[in-house]
Amino acid sequence: AWDRKQLYLNVLSDPNEVSDDDLKM
C-alpha cells in the first residue's frame, strides 16, 4: 500500500508558464 518516491523536475515543462492550479507553480 506504500509508494517510496523521489523528487523529480520535468525539464520539458515551460518555466515561463504558471500552473492553473492553486499552487501557481
mmCIF file of all heavy atoms, coordinates in Angstrom:
data_MODEL
# 
_entry.id   MODEL 
# 
loop_
_atom_site.group_PDB 
_atom_site.id 
_atom_site.type_symbol 
_atom_site.label_atom_id 
_atom_site.label_alt_id 
_atom_site.label_comp_id 
_atom_site.label_asym_id 
_atom_site.label_entity_id 
_atom_site.label_seq_id 
_atom_site.pdbx_PDB_ins_code 
_atom_site.Cartn_x 
_atom_site.Cartn_y 
_atom_site.Cartn_z 
_atom_site.occupancy 
_atom_site.B_iso_or_equiv 
_atom_site.pdbx_formal_charge 
_atom_site.auth_seq_id 
_atom_site.auth_comp_id 
_atom_site.auth_asym_id 
_atom_site.auth_atom_id 
_atom_site.pdbx_PDB_model_num 
ATOM 1   N N   . ALA A 1 1  ? 0.819  -1.217 0.000   1.00 0.00 ? 1  ALA A N   1 
ATOM 2   C CA  . ALA A 1 1  ? 0.000  0.000  0.000   1.00 0.00 ? 1  ALA A CA  1 
ATOM 3   C C   . ALA A 1 1  ? 0.850  1.264  0.000   1.00 0.00 ? 1  ALA A C   1 
ATOM 4   O O   . ALA A 1 1  ? 0.322  2.364  -0.084  1.00 0.00 ? 1  ALA A O   1 
ATOM 5   C CB  . ALA A 1 1  ? -0.932 0.003  1.208   1.00 0.00 ? 1  ALA A CB  1 
ATOM 6   N N   . TRP A 1 2  ? 2.169  1.099  0.064   1.00 0.00 ? 2  TRP A N   1 
ATOM 7   C CA  . TRP A 1 2  ? 3.065  2.240  0.223   1.00 0.00 ? 2  TRP A CA  1 
ATOM 8   C C   . TRP A 1 2  ? 3.895  2.478  -1.032  1.00 0.00 ? 2  TRP A C   1 
ATOM 9   O O   . TRP A 1 2  ? 4.358  1.540  -1.665  1.00 0.00 ? 2  TRP A O   1 
ATOM 10  C CB  . TRP A 1 2  ? 3.988  2.023  1.424   1.00 0.00 ? 2  TRP A CB  1 
ATOM 11  C CG  . TRP A 1 2  ? 3.233  1.930  2.718   1.00 0.00 ? 2  TRP A CG  1 
ATOM 12  C CD1 . TRP A 1 2  ? 2.654  0.820  3.253   1.00 0.00 ? 2  TRP A CD1 1 
ATOM 13  C CD2 . TRP A 1 2  ? 2.955  2.998  3.612   1.00 0.00 ? 2  TRP A CD2 1 
ATOM 14  N NE1 . TRP A 1 2  ? 2.043  1.133  4.441   1.00 0.00 ? 2  TRP A NE1 1 
ATOM 15  C CE2 . TRP A 1 2  ? 2.210  2.462  4.687   1.00 0.00 ? 2  TRP A CE2 1 
ATOM 16  C CE3 . TRP A 1 2  ? 3.270  4.355  3.630   1.00 0.00 ? 2  TRP A CE3 1 
ATOM 17  C CZ2 . TRP A 1 2  ? 1.771  3.240  5.753   1.00 0.00 ? 2  TRP A CZ2 1 
ATOM 18  C CZ3 . TRP A 1 2  ? 2.838  5.130  4.689   1.00 0.00 ? 2  TRP A CZ3 1 
ATOM 19  C CH2 . TRP A 1 2  ? 2.101  4.575  5.731   1.00 0.00 ? 2  TRP A CH2 1 
ATOM 20  N N   . ASP A 1 3  ? 4.079  3.771  -1.365  1.00 0.00 ? 3  ASP A N   1 
ATOM 21  C CA  . ASP A 1 3  ? 4.905  4.163  -2.507  1.00 0.00 ? 3  ASP A CA  1 
ATOM 22  C C   . ASP A 1 3  ? 6.090  4.987  -1.998  1.00 0.00 ? 3  ASP A C   1 
ATOM 23  O O   . ASP A 1 3  ? 5.904  6.016  -1.349  1.00 0.00 ? 3  ASP A O   1 
ATOM 24  C CB  . ASP A 1 3  ? 4.107  5.006  -3.507  1.00 0.00 ? 3  ASP A CB  1 
ATOM 25  C CG  . ASP A 1 3  ? 2.985  4.217  -4.153  1.00 0.00 ? 3  ASP A CG  1 
ATOM 26  O OD1 . ASP A 1 3  ? 3.213  3.037  -4.478  1.00 0.00 ? 3  ASP A OD1 1 
ATOM 27  O OD2 . ASP A 1 3  ? 1.884  4.779  -4.317  1.00 0.00 ? 3  ASP A OD2 1 
ATOM 28  N N   . ARG A 1 4  ? 7.306  4.500  -2.296  1.00 0.00 ? 4  ARG A N   1 
ATOM 29  C CA  . ARG A 1 4  ? 8.515  5.242  -1.918  1.00 0.00 ? 4  ARG A CA  1 
ATOM 30  C C   . ARG A 1 4  ? 8.968  6.057  -3.129  1.00 0.00 ? 4  ARG A C   1 
ATOM 31  O O   . ARG A 1 4  ? 9.304  5.494  -4.177  1.00 0.00 ? 4  ARG A O   1 
ATOM 32  C CB  . ARG A 1 4  ? 9.612  4.287  -1.466  1.00 0.00 ? 4  ARG A CB  1 
ATOM 33  C CG  . ARG A 1 4  ? 10.834 4.986  -0.901  1.00 0.00 ? 4  ARG A CG  1 
ATOM 34  C CD  . ARG A 1 4  ? 11.687 4.022  -0.118  1.00 0.00 ? 4  ARG A CD  1 
ATOM 35  N NE  . ARG A 1 4  ? 12.832 4.677  0.485   1.00 0.00 ? 4  ARG A NE  1 
ATOM 36  C CZ  . ARG A 1 4  ? 13.574 4.127  1.440   1.00 0.00 ? 4  ARG A CZ  1 
ATOM 37  N NH1 . ARG A 1 4  ? 13.280 2.925  1.903   1.00 0.00 ? 4  ARG A NH1 1 
ATOM 38  N NH2 . ARG A 1 4  ? 14.601 4.777  1.936   1.00 0.00 ? 4  ARG A NH2 1 
ATOM 39  N N   . LYS A 1 5  ? 8.988  7.391  -2.969  1.00 0.00 ? 5  LYS A N   1 
ATOM 40  C CA  . LYS A 1 5  ? 9.169  8.272  -4.119  1.00 0.00 ? 5  LYS A CA  1 
ATOM 41  C C   . LYS A 1 5  ? 10.347 9.221  -3.917  1.00 0.00 ? 5  LYS A C   1 
ATOM 42  O O   . LYS A 1 5  ? 10.757 9.498  -2.790  1.00 0.00 ? 5  LYS A O   1 
ATOM 43  C CB  . LYS A 1 5  ? 7.886  9.088  -4.337  1.00 0.00 ? 5  LYS A CB  1 
ATOM 44  C CG  . LYS A 1 5  ? 6.635  8.222  -4.542  1.00 0.00 ? 5  LYS A CG  1 
ATOM 45  C CD  . LYS A 1 5  ? 5.383  9.053  -4.654  1.00 0.00 ? 5  LYS A CD  1 
ATOM 46  C CE  . LYS A 1 5  ? 4.969  9.670  -3.325  1.00 0.00 ? 5  LYS A CE  1 
ATOM 47  N NZ  . LYS A 1 5  ? 3.655  10.350 -3.402  1.00 0.00 ? 5  LYS A NZ  1 
ATOM 48  N N   . GLN A 1 6  ? 10.860 9.711  -5.037  1.00 0.00 ? 6  GLN A N   1 
ATOM 49  C CA  . GLN A 1 6  ? 11.893 10.731 -5.024  1.00 0.00 ? 6  GLN A CA  1 
ATOM 50  C C   . GLN A 1 6  ? 11.385 11.956 -5.773  1.00 0.00 ? 6  GLN A C   1 
ATOM 51  O O   . GLN A 1 6  ? 10.445 11.872 -6.568  1.00 0.00 ? 6  GLN A O   1 
ATOM 52  C CB  . GLN A 1 6  ? 13.185 10.204 -5.667  1.00 0.00 ? 6  GLN A CB  1 
ATOM 53  C CG  . GLN A 1 6  ? 13.871 9.115  -4.849  1.00 0.00 ? 6  GLN A CG  1 
ATOM 54  C CD  . GLN A 1 6  ? 15.138 8.608  -5.520  1.00 0.00 ? 6  GLN A CD  1 
ATOM 55  O OE1 . GLN A 1 6  ? 15.083 7.964  -6.563  1.00 0.00 ? 6  GLN A OE1 1 
ATOM 56  N NE2 . GLN A 1 6  ? 16.282 8.904  -4.919  1.00 0.00 ? 6  GLN A NE2 1 
ATOM 57  N N   . LEU A 1 7  ? 12.048 13.087 -5.523  1.00 0.00 ? 7  LEU A N   1 
ATOM 58  C CA  . LEU A 1 7  ? 11.618 14.337 -6.156  1.00 0.00 ? 7  LEU A CA  1 
ATOM 59  C C   . LEU A 1 7  ? 12.217 14.442 -7.562  1.00 0.00 ? 7  LEU A C   1 
ATOM 60  O O   . LEU A 1 7  ? 13.424 14.243 -7.750  1.00 0.00 ? 7  LEU A O   1 
ATOM 61  C CB  . LEU A 1 7  ? 12.064 15.532 -5.315  1.00 0.00 ? 7  LEU A CB  1 
ATOM 62  C CG  . LEU A 1 7  ? 11.586 16.906 -5.817  1.00 0.00 ? 7  LEU A CG  1 
ATOM 63  C CD1 . LEU A 1 7  ? 10.070 17.006 -5.741  1.00 0.00 ? 7  LEU A CD1 1 
ATOM 64  C CD2 . LEU A 1 7  ? 12.245 18.029 -5.027  1.00 0.00 ? 7  LEU A CD2 1 
ATOM 65  N N   . TYR A 1 8  ? 11.360 14.767 -8.527  1.00 0.00 ? 8  TYR A N   1 
ATOM 66  C CA  . TYR A 1 8  ? 11.771 14.928 -9.918  1.00 0.00 ? 8  TYR A CA  1 
ATOM 67  C C   . TYR A 1 8  ? 11.302 16.290 -10.437 1.00 0.00 ? 8  TYR A C   1 
ATOM 68  O O   . TYR A 1 8  ? 10.295 16.850 -9.967  1.00 0.00 ? 8  TYR A O   1 
ATOM 69  C CB  . TYR A 1 8  ? 11.158 13.832 -10.795 1.00 0.00 ? 8  TYR A CB  1 
ATOM 70  C CG  . TYR A 1 8  ? 11.777 12.458 -10.622 1.00 0.00 ? 8  TYR A CG  1 
ATOM 71  C CD1 . TYR A 1 8  ? 11.380 11.612 -9.602  1.00 0.00 ? 8  TYR A CD1 1 
ATOM 72  C CD2 . TYR A 1 8  ? 12.770 12.017 -11.501 1.00 0.00 ? 8  TYR A CD2 1 
ATOM 73  C CE1 . TYR A 1 8  ? 11.936 10.351 -9.442  1.00 0.00 ? 8  TYR A CE1 1 
ATOM 74  C CE2 . TYR A 1 8  ? 13.339 10.754 -11.362 1.00 0.00 ? 8  TYR A CE2 1 
ATOM 75  C CZ  . TYR A 1 8  ? 12.918 9.927  -10.328 1.00 0.00 ? 8  TYR A CZ  1 
ATOM 76  O OH  . TYR A 1 8  ? 13.489 8.689  -10.193 1.00 0.00 ? 8  TYR A OH  1 
ATOM 77  N N   . LEU A 1 9  ? 12.046 16.794 -11.416 1.00 0.00 ? 9  LEU A N   1 
ATOM 78  C CA  . LEU A 1 9  ? 11.689 18.023 -12.122 1.00 0.00 ? 9  LEU A CA  1 
ATOM 79  C C   . LEU A 1 9  ? 11.452 17.682 -13.584 1.00 0.00 ? 9  LEU A C   1 
ATOM 80  O O   . LEU A 1 9  ? 12.311 17.061 -14.235 1.00 0.00 ? 9  LEU A O   1 
ATOM 81  C CB  . LEU A 1 9  ? 12.821 19.050 -11.998 1.00 0.00 ? 9  LEU A CB  1 
ATOM 82  C CG  . LEU A 1 9  ? 12.703 20.309 -12.867 1.00 0.00 ? 9  LEU A CG  1 
ATOM 83  C CD1 . LEU A 1 9  ? 11.473 21.129 -12.486 1.00 0.00 ? 9  LEU A CD1 1 
ATOM 84  C CD2 . LEU A 1 9  ? 13.976 21.157 -12.755 1.00 0.00 ? 9  LEU A CD2 1 
ATOM 85  N N   . ASN A 1 10 ? 10.297 18.068 -14.111 1.00 0.00 ? 10 ASN A N   1 
ATOM 86  C CA  . ASN A 1 10 ? 10.004 17.857 -15.533 1.00 0.00 ? 10 ASN A CA  1 
ATOM 87  C C   . ASN A 1 10 ? 10.732 18.933 -16.335 1.00 0.00 ? 10 ASN A C   1 
ATOM 88  O O   . ASN A 1 10 ? 10.295 20.093 -16.380 1.00 0.00 ? 10 ASN A O   1 
ATOM 89  C CB  . ASN A 1 10 ? 8.503  17.930 -15.779 1.00 0.00 ? 10 ASN A CB  1 
ATOM 90  C CG  . ASN A 1 10 ? 8.150  17.723 -17.252 1.00 0.00 ? 10 ASN A CG  1 
ATOM 91  O OD1 . ASN A 1 10 ? 8.975  17.247 -18.039 1.00 0.00 ? 10 ASN A OD1 1 
ATOM 92  N ND2 . ASN A 1 10 ? 6.928  18.075 -17.625 1.00 0.00 ? 10 ASN A ND2 1 
ATOM 93  N N   . VAL A 1 11 ? 11.835 18.564 -16.950 1.00 0.00 ? 11 VAL A N   1 
ATOM 94  C CA  . VAL A 1 11 ? 12.662 19.560 -17.640 1.00 0.00 ? 11 VAL A CA  1 
ATOM 95  C C   . VAL A 1 11 ? 12.097 19.942 -19.009 1.00 0.00 ? 11 VAL A C   1 
ATOM 96  O O   . VAL A 1 11 ? 12.644 20.828 -19.679 1.00 0.00 ? 11 VAL A O   1 
ATOM 97  C CB  . VAL A 1 11 ? 14.115 19.054 -17.778 1.00 0.00 ? 11 VAL A CB  1 
ATOM 98  C CG1 . VAL A 1 11 ? 14.771 18.938 -16.411 1.00 0.00 ? 11 VAL A CG1 1 
ATOM 99  C CG2 . VAL A 1 11 ? 14.183 17.722 -18.525 1.00 0.00 ? 11 VAL A CG2 1 
ATOM 100 N N   . LEU A 1 12 ? 11.022 19.299 -19.446 1.00 0.00 ? 12 LEU A N   1 
ATOM 101 C CA  . LEU A 1 12 ? 10.364 19.696 -20.696 1.00 0.00 ? 12 LEU A CA  1 
ATOM 102 C C   . LEU A 1 12 ? 9.246  20.702 -20.475 1.00 0.00 ? 12 LEU A C   1 
ATOM 103 O O   . LEU A 1 12 ? 8.634  21.175 -21.431 1.00 0.00 ? 12 LEU A O   1 
ATOM 104 C CB  . LEU A 1 12 ? 9.800  18.458 -21.414 1.00 0.00 ? 12 LEU A CB  1 
ATOM 105 C CG  . LEU A 1 12 ? 10.811 17.411 -21.895 1.00 0.00 ? 12 LEU A CG  1 
ATOM 106 C CD1 . LEU A 1 12 ? 10.111 16.346 -22.717 1.00 0.00 ? 12 LEU A CD1 1 
ATOM 107 C CD2 . LEU A 1 12 ? 11.932 18.056 -22.697 1.00 0.00 ? 12 LEU A CD2 1 
ATOM 108 N N   . SER A 1 13 ? 8.971  21.020 -19.210 1.00 0.00 ? 13 SER A N   1 
ATOM 109 C CA  . SER A 1 13 ? 7.918  21.997 -18.929 1.00 0.00 ? 13 SER A CA  1 
ATOM 110 C C   . SER A 1 13 ? 8.439  23.409 -19.185 1.00 0.00 ? 13 SER A C   1 
ATOM 111 O O   . SER A 1 13 ? 9.641  23.685 -19.059 1.00 0.00 ? 13 SER A O   1 
ATOM 112 C CB  . SER A 1 13 ? 7.457  21.872 -17.478 1.00 0.00 ? 13 SER A CB  1 
ATOM 113 O OG  . SER A 1 13 ? 8.519  22.172 -16.587 1.00 0.00 ? 13 SER A OG  1 
ATOM 114 N N   . ASP A 1 14 ? 7.543  24.300 -19.534 1.00 0.00 ? 14 ASP A N   1 
ATOM 115 C CA  . ASP A 1 14 ? 7.903  25.687 -19.833 1.00 0.00 ? 14 ASP A CA  1 
ATOM 116 C C   . ASP A 1 14 ? 7.958  26.482 -18.532 1.00 0.00 ? 14 ASP A C   1 
ATOM 117 O O   . ASP A 1 14 ? 6.917  26.723 -17.908 1.00 0.00 ? 14 ASP A O   1 
ATOM 118 C CB  . ASP A 1 14 ? 6.868  26.294 -20.787 1.00 0.00 ? 14 ASP A CB  1 
ATOM 119 C CG  . ASP A 1 14 ? 7.229  27.708 -21.217 1.00 0.00 ? 14 ASP A CG  1 
ATOM 120 O OD1 . ASP A 1 14 ? 8.230  28.256 -20.694 1.00 0.00 ? 14 ASP A OD1 1 
ATOM 121 O OD2 . ASP A 1 14 ? 6.515  28.272 -22.064 1.00 0.00 ? 14 ASP A OD2 1 
ATOM 122 N N   . PRO A 1 15 ? 9.143  26.917 -18.090 1.00 0.00 ? 15 PRO A N   1 
ATOM 123 C CA  . PRO A 1 15 ? 9.243  27.645 -16.821 1.00 0.00 ? 15 PRO A CA  1 
ATOM 124 C C   . PRO A 1 15 ? 8.673  29.058 -16.869 1.00 0.00 ? 15 PRO A C   1 
ATOM 125 O O   . PRO A 1 15 ? 8.645  29.744 -15.847 1.00 0.00 ? 15 PRO A O   1 
ATOM 126 C CB  . PRO A 1 15 ? 10.752 27.666 -16.556 1.00 0.00 ? 15 PRO A CB  1 
ATOM 127 C CG  . PRO A 1 15 ? 11.375 27.584 -17.914 1.00 0.00 ? 15 PRO A CG  1 
ATOM 128 C CD  . PRO A 1 15 ? 10.459 26.726 -18.720 1.00 0.00 ? 15 PRO A CD  1 
ATOM 129 N N   . ASN A 1 16 ? 8.246  29.487 -18.047 1.00 0.00 ? 16 ASN A N   1 
ATOM 130 C CA  . ASN A 1 16 ? 7.637  30.820 -18.162 1.00 0.00 ? 16 ASN A CA  1 
ATOM 131 C C   . ASN A 1 16 ? 6.128  30.782 -17.969 1.00 0.00 ? 16 ASN A C   1 
ATOM 132 O O   . ASN A 1 16 ? 5.485  31.829 -17.917 1.00 0.00 ? 16 ASN A O   1 
ATOM 133 C CB  . ASN A 1 16 ? 7.963  31.431 -19.528 1.00 0.00 ? 16 ASN A CB  1 
ATOM 134 C CG  . ASN A 1 16 ? 9.456  31.685 -19.692 1.00 0.00 ? 16 ASN A CG  1 
ATOM 135 O OD1 . ASN A 1 16 ? 10.107 32.189 -18.780 1.00 0.00 ? 16 ASN A OD1 1 
ATOM 136 N ND2 . ASN A 1 16 ? 9.997  31.319 -20.851 1.00 0.00 ? 16 ASN A ND2 1 
ATOM 137 N N   . GLU A 1 17 ? 5.566  29.584 -17.888 1.00 0.00 ? 17 GLU A N   1 
ATOM 138 C CA  . GLU A 1 17 ? 4.126  29.450 -17.698 1.00 0.00 ? 17 GLU A CA  1 
ATOM 139 C C   . GLU A 1 17 ? 3.815  29.100 -16.251 1.00 0.00 ? 17 GLU A C   1 
ATOM 140 O O   . GLU A 1 17 ? 4.530  28.314 -15.627 1.00 0.00 ? 17 GLU A O   1 
ATOM 141 C CB  . GLU A 1 17 ? 3.562  28.368 -18.628 1.00 0.00 ? 17 GLU A CB  1 
ATOM 142 C CG  . GLU A 1 17 ? 3.614  28.721 -20.098 1.00 0.00 ? 17 GLU A CG  1 
ATOM 143 C CD  . GLU A 1 17 ? 2.943  27.663 -20.964 1.00 0.00 ? 17 GLU A CD  1 
ATOM 144 O OE1 . GLU A 1 17 ? 2.447  26.659 -20.390 1.00 0.00 ? 17 GLU A OE1 1 
ATOM 145 O OE2 . GLU A 1 17 ? 2.915  27.830 -22.201 1.00 0.00 ? 17 GLU A OE2 1 
ATOM 146 N N   . VAL A 1 18 ? 2.730  29.661 -15.734 1.00 0.00 ? 18 VAL A N   1 
ATOM 147 C CA  . VAL A 1 18 ? 2.299  29.400 -14.363 1.00 0.00 ? 18 VAL A CA  1 
ATOM 148 C C   . VAL A 1 18 ? 1.188  28.360 -14.395 1.00 0.00 ? 18 VAL A C   1 
ATOM 149 O O   . VAL A 1 18 ? 0.256  28.455 -15.211 1.00 0.00 ? 18 VAL A O   1 
ATOM 150 C CB  . VAL A 1 18 ? 1.800  30.689 -13.680 1.00 0.00 ? 18 VAL A CB  1 
ATOM 151 C CG1 . VAL A 1 18 ? 1.294  30.395 -12.273 1.00 0.00 ? 18 VAL A CG1 1 
ATOM 152 C CG2 . VAL A 1 18 ? 2.917  31.722 -13.635 1.00 0.00 ? 18 VAL A CG2 1 
ATOM 153 N N   . SER A 1 19 ? 1.280  27.364 -13.524 1.00 0.00 ? 19 SER A N   1 
ATOM 154 C CA  . SER A 1 19 ? 0.250  26.318 -13.487 1.00 0.00 ? 19 SER A CA  1 
ATOM 155 C C   . SER A 1 19 ? -1.093 26.915 -13.126 1.00 0.00 ? 19 SER A C   1 
ATOM 156 O O   . SER A 1 19 ? -1.183 27.910 -12.397 1.00 0.00 ? 19 SER A O   1 
ATOM 157 C CB  . SER A 1 19 ? 0.639  25.236 -12.477 1.00 0.00 ? 19 SER A CB  1 
ATOM 158 O OG  . SER A 1 19 ? 0.676  25.765 -11.157 1.00 0.00 ? 19 SER A OG  1 
ATOM 159 N N   . ASP A 1 20 ? -2.168 26.298 -13.627 1.00 0.00 ? 20 ASP A N   1 
ATOM 160 C CA  . ASP A 1 20 ? -3.509 26.834 -13.399 1.00 0.00 ? 20 ASP A CA  1 
ATOM 161 C C   . ASP A 1 20 ? -4.173 26.262 -12.152 1.00 0.00 ? 20 ASP A C   1 
ATOM 162 O O   . ASP A 1 20 ? -5.372 26.451 -11.934 1.00 0.00 ? 20 ASP A O   1 
ATOM 163 C CB  . ASP A 1 20 ? -4.403 26.591 -14.618 1.00 0.00 ? 20 ASP A CB  1 
ATOM 164 C CG  . ASP A 1 20 ? -4.460 25.114 -15.001 1.00 0.00 ? 20 ASP A CG  1 
ATOM 165 O OD1 . ASP A 1 20 ? -3.894 24.280 -14.252 1.00 0.00 ? 20 ASP A OD1 1 
ATOM 166 O OD2 . ASP A 1 20 ? -5.073 24.799 -16.039 1.00 0.00 ? 20 ASP A OD2 1 
ATOM 167 N N   . ASP A 1 21 ? -3.397 25.547 -11.310 1.00 0.00 ? 21 ASP A N   1 
ATOM 168 C CA  . ASP A 1 21 ? -3.965 25.042 -10.070 1.00 0.00 ? 21 ASP A CA  1 
ATOM 169 C C   . ASP A 1 21 ? -3.690 26.024 -8.933  1.00 0.00 ? 21 ASP A C   1 
ATOM 170 O O   . ASP A 1 21 ? -3.171 27.123 -9.145  1.00 0.00 ? 21 ASP A O   1 
ATOM 171 C CB  . ASP A 1 21 ? -3.391 23.660 -9.736  1.00 0.00 ? 21 ASP A CB  1 
ATOM 172 C CG  . ASP A 1 21 ? -1.869 23.663 -9.667  1.00 0.00 ? 21 ASP A CG  1 
ATOM 173 O OD1 . ASP A 1 21 ? -1.276 24.755 -9.554  1.00 0.00 ? 21 ASP A OD1 1 
ATOM 174 O OD2 . ASP A 1 21 ? -1.265 22.574 -9.742  1.00 0.00 ? 21 ASP A OD2 1 
ATOM 175 N N   . ASP A 1 22 ? -4.036 25.632 -7.713  1.00 0.00 ? 22 ASP A N   1 
ATOM 176 C CA  . ASP A 1 22 ? -3.859 26.527 -6.571  1.00 0.00 ? 22 ASP A CA  1 
ATOM 177 C C   . ASP A 1 22 ? -2.400 26.791 -6.232  1.00 0.00 ? 22 ASP A C   1 
ATOM 178 O O   . ASP A 1 22 ? -2.076 27.779 -5.568  1.00 0.00 ? 22 ASP A O   1 
ATOM 179 C CB  . ASP A 1 22 ? -4.571 25.939 -5.337  1.00 0.00 ? 22 ASP A CB  1 
ATOM 180 C CG  . ASP A 1 22 ? -6.079 25.915 -5.483  1.00 0.00 ? 22 ASP A CG  1 
ATOM 181 O OD1 . ASP A 1 22 ? -6.591 26.712 -6.302  1.00 0.00 ? 22 ASP A OD1 1 
ATOM 182 O OD2 . ASP A 1 22 ? -6.739 25.110 -4.802  1.00 0.00 ? 22 ASP A OD2 1 
ATOM 183 N N   . LEU A 1 23 ? -1.493 25.910 -6.666  1.00 0.00 ? 23 LEU A N   1 
ATOM 184 C CA  . LEU A 1 23 ? -0.080 26.074 -6.318  1.00 0.00 ? 23 LEU A CA  1 
ATOM 185 C C   . LEU A 1 23 ? 0.593  27.192 -7.113  1.00 0.00 ? 23 LEU A C   1 
ATOM 186 O O   . LEU A 1 23 ? 1.578  27.773 -6.662  1.00 0.00 ? 23 LEU A O   1 
ATOM 187 C CB  . LEU A 1 23 ? 0.664  24.755 -6.539  1.00 0.00 ? 23 LEU A CB  1 
ATOM 188 C CG  . LEU A 1 23 ? 0.223  23.569 -5.684  1.00 0.00 ? 23 LEU A CG  1 
ATOM 189 C CD1 . LEU A 1 23 ? 1.066  22.332 -6.017  1.00 0.00 ? 23 LEU A CD1 1 
ATOM 190 C CD2 . LEU A 1 23 ? 0.341  23.895 -4.203  1.00 0.00 ? 23 LEU A CD2 1 
ATOM 191 N N   . LYS A 1 24 ? 0.093  27.480 -8.319  1.00 0.00 ? 24 LYS A N   1 
ATOM 192 C CA  . LYS A 1 24 ? 0.654  28.534 -9.170  1.00 0.00 ? 24 LYS A CA  1 
ATOM 193 C C   . LYS A 1 24 ? 2.165  28.332 -9.378  1.00 0.00 ? 24 LYS A C   1 
ATOM 194 O O   . LYS A 1 24 ? 2.978  29.227 -9.171  1.00 0.00 ? 24 LYS A O   1 
ATOM 195 C CB  . LYS A 1 24 ? 0.387  29.920 -8.570  1.00 0.00 ? 24 LYS A CB  1 
ATOM 196 C CG  . LYS A 1 24 ? -1.081 30.230 -8.341  1.00 0.00 ? 24 LYS A CG  1 
ATOM 197 C CD  . LYS A 1 24 ? -1.874 30.186 -9.644  1.00 0.00 ? 24 LYS A CD  1 
ATOM 198 C CE  . LYS A 1 24 ? -3.342 30.507 -9.410  1.00 0.00 ? 24 LYS A CE  1 
ATOM 199 N NZ  . LYS A 1 24 ? -4.137 30.347 -10.658 1.00 0.00 ? 24 LYS A NZ  1 
ATOM 200 N N   . MET A 1 25 ? 2.538  27.158 -9.803  1.00 0.00 ? 25 MET A N   1 
ATOM 201 C CA  . MET A 1 25 ? 3.940  26.795 -9.958  1.00 0.00 ? 25 MET A CA  1 
ATOM 202 C C   . MET A 1 25 ? 4.462  27.190 -11.338 1.00 0.00 ? 25 MET A C   1 
ATOM 203 O O   . MET A 1 25 ? 3.742  27.119 -12.333 1.00 0.00 ? 25 MET A O   1 
ATOM 204 C CB  . MET A 1 25 ? 4.105  25.293 -9.767  1.00 0.00 ? 25 MET A CB  1 
ATOM 205 C CG  . MET A 1 25 ? 3.606  24.758 -8.444  1.00 0.00 ? 25 MET A CG  1 
ATOM 206 S SD  . MET A 1 25 ? 4.916  24.653 -7.256  1.00 0.00 ? 25 MET A SD  1 
ATOM 207 C CE  . MET A 1 25 ? 5.793  23.237 -7.883  1.00 0.00 ? 25 MET A CE  1 
# 
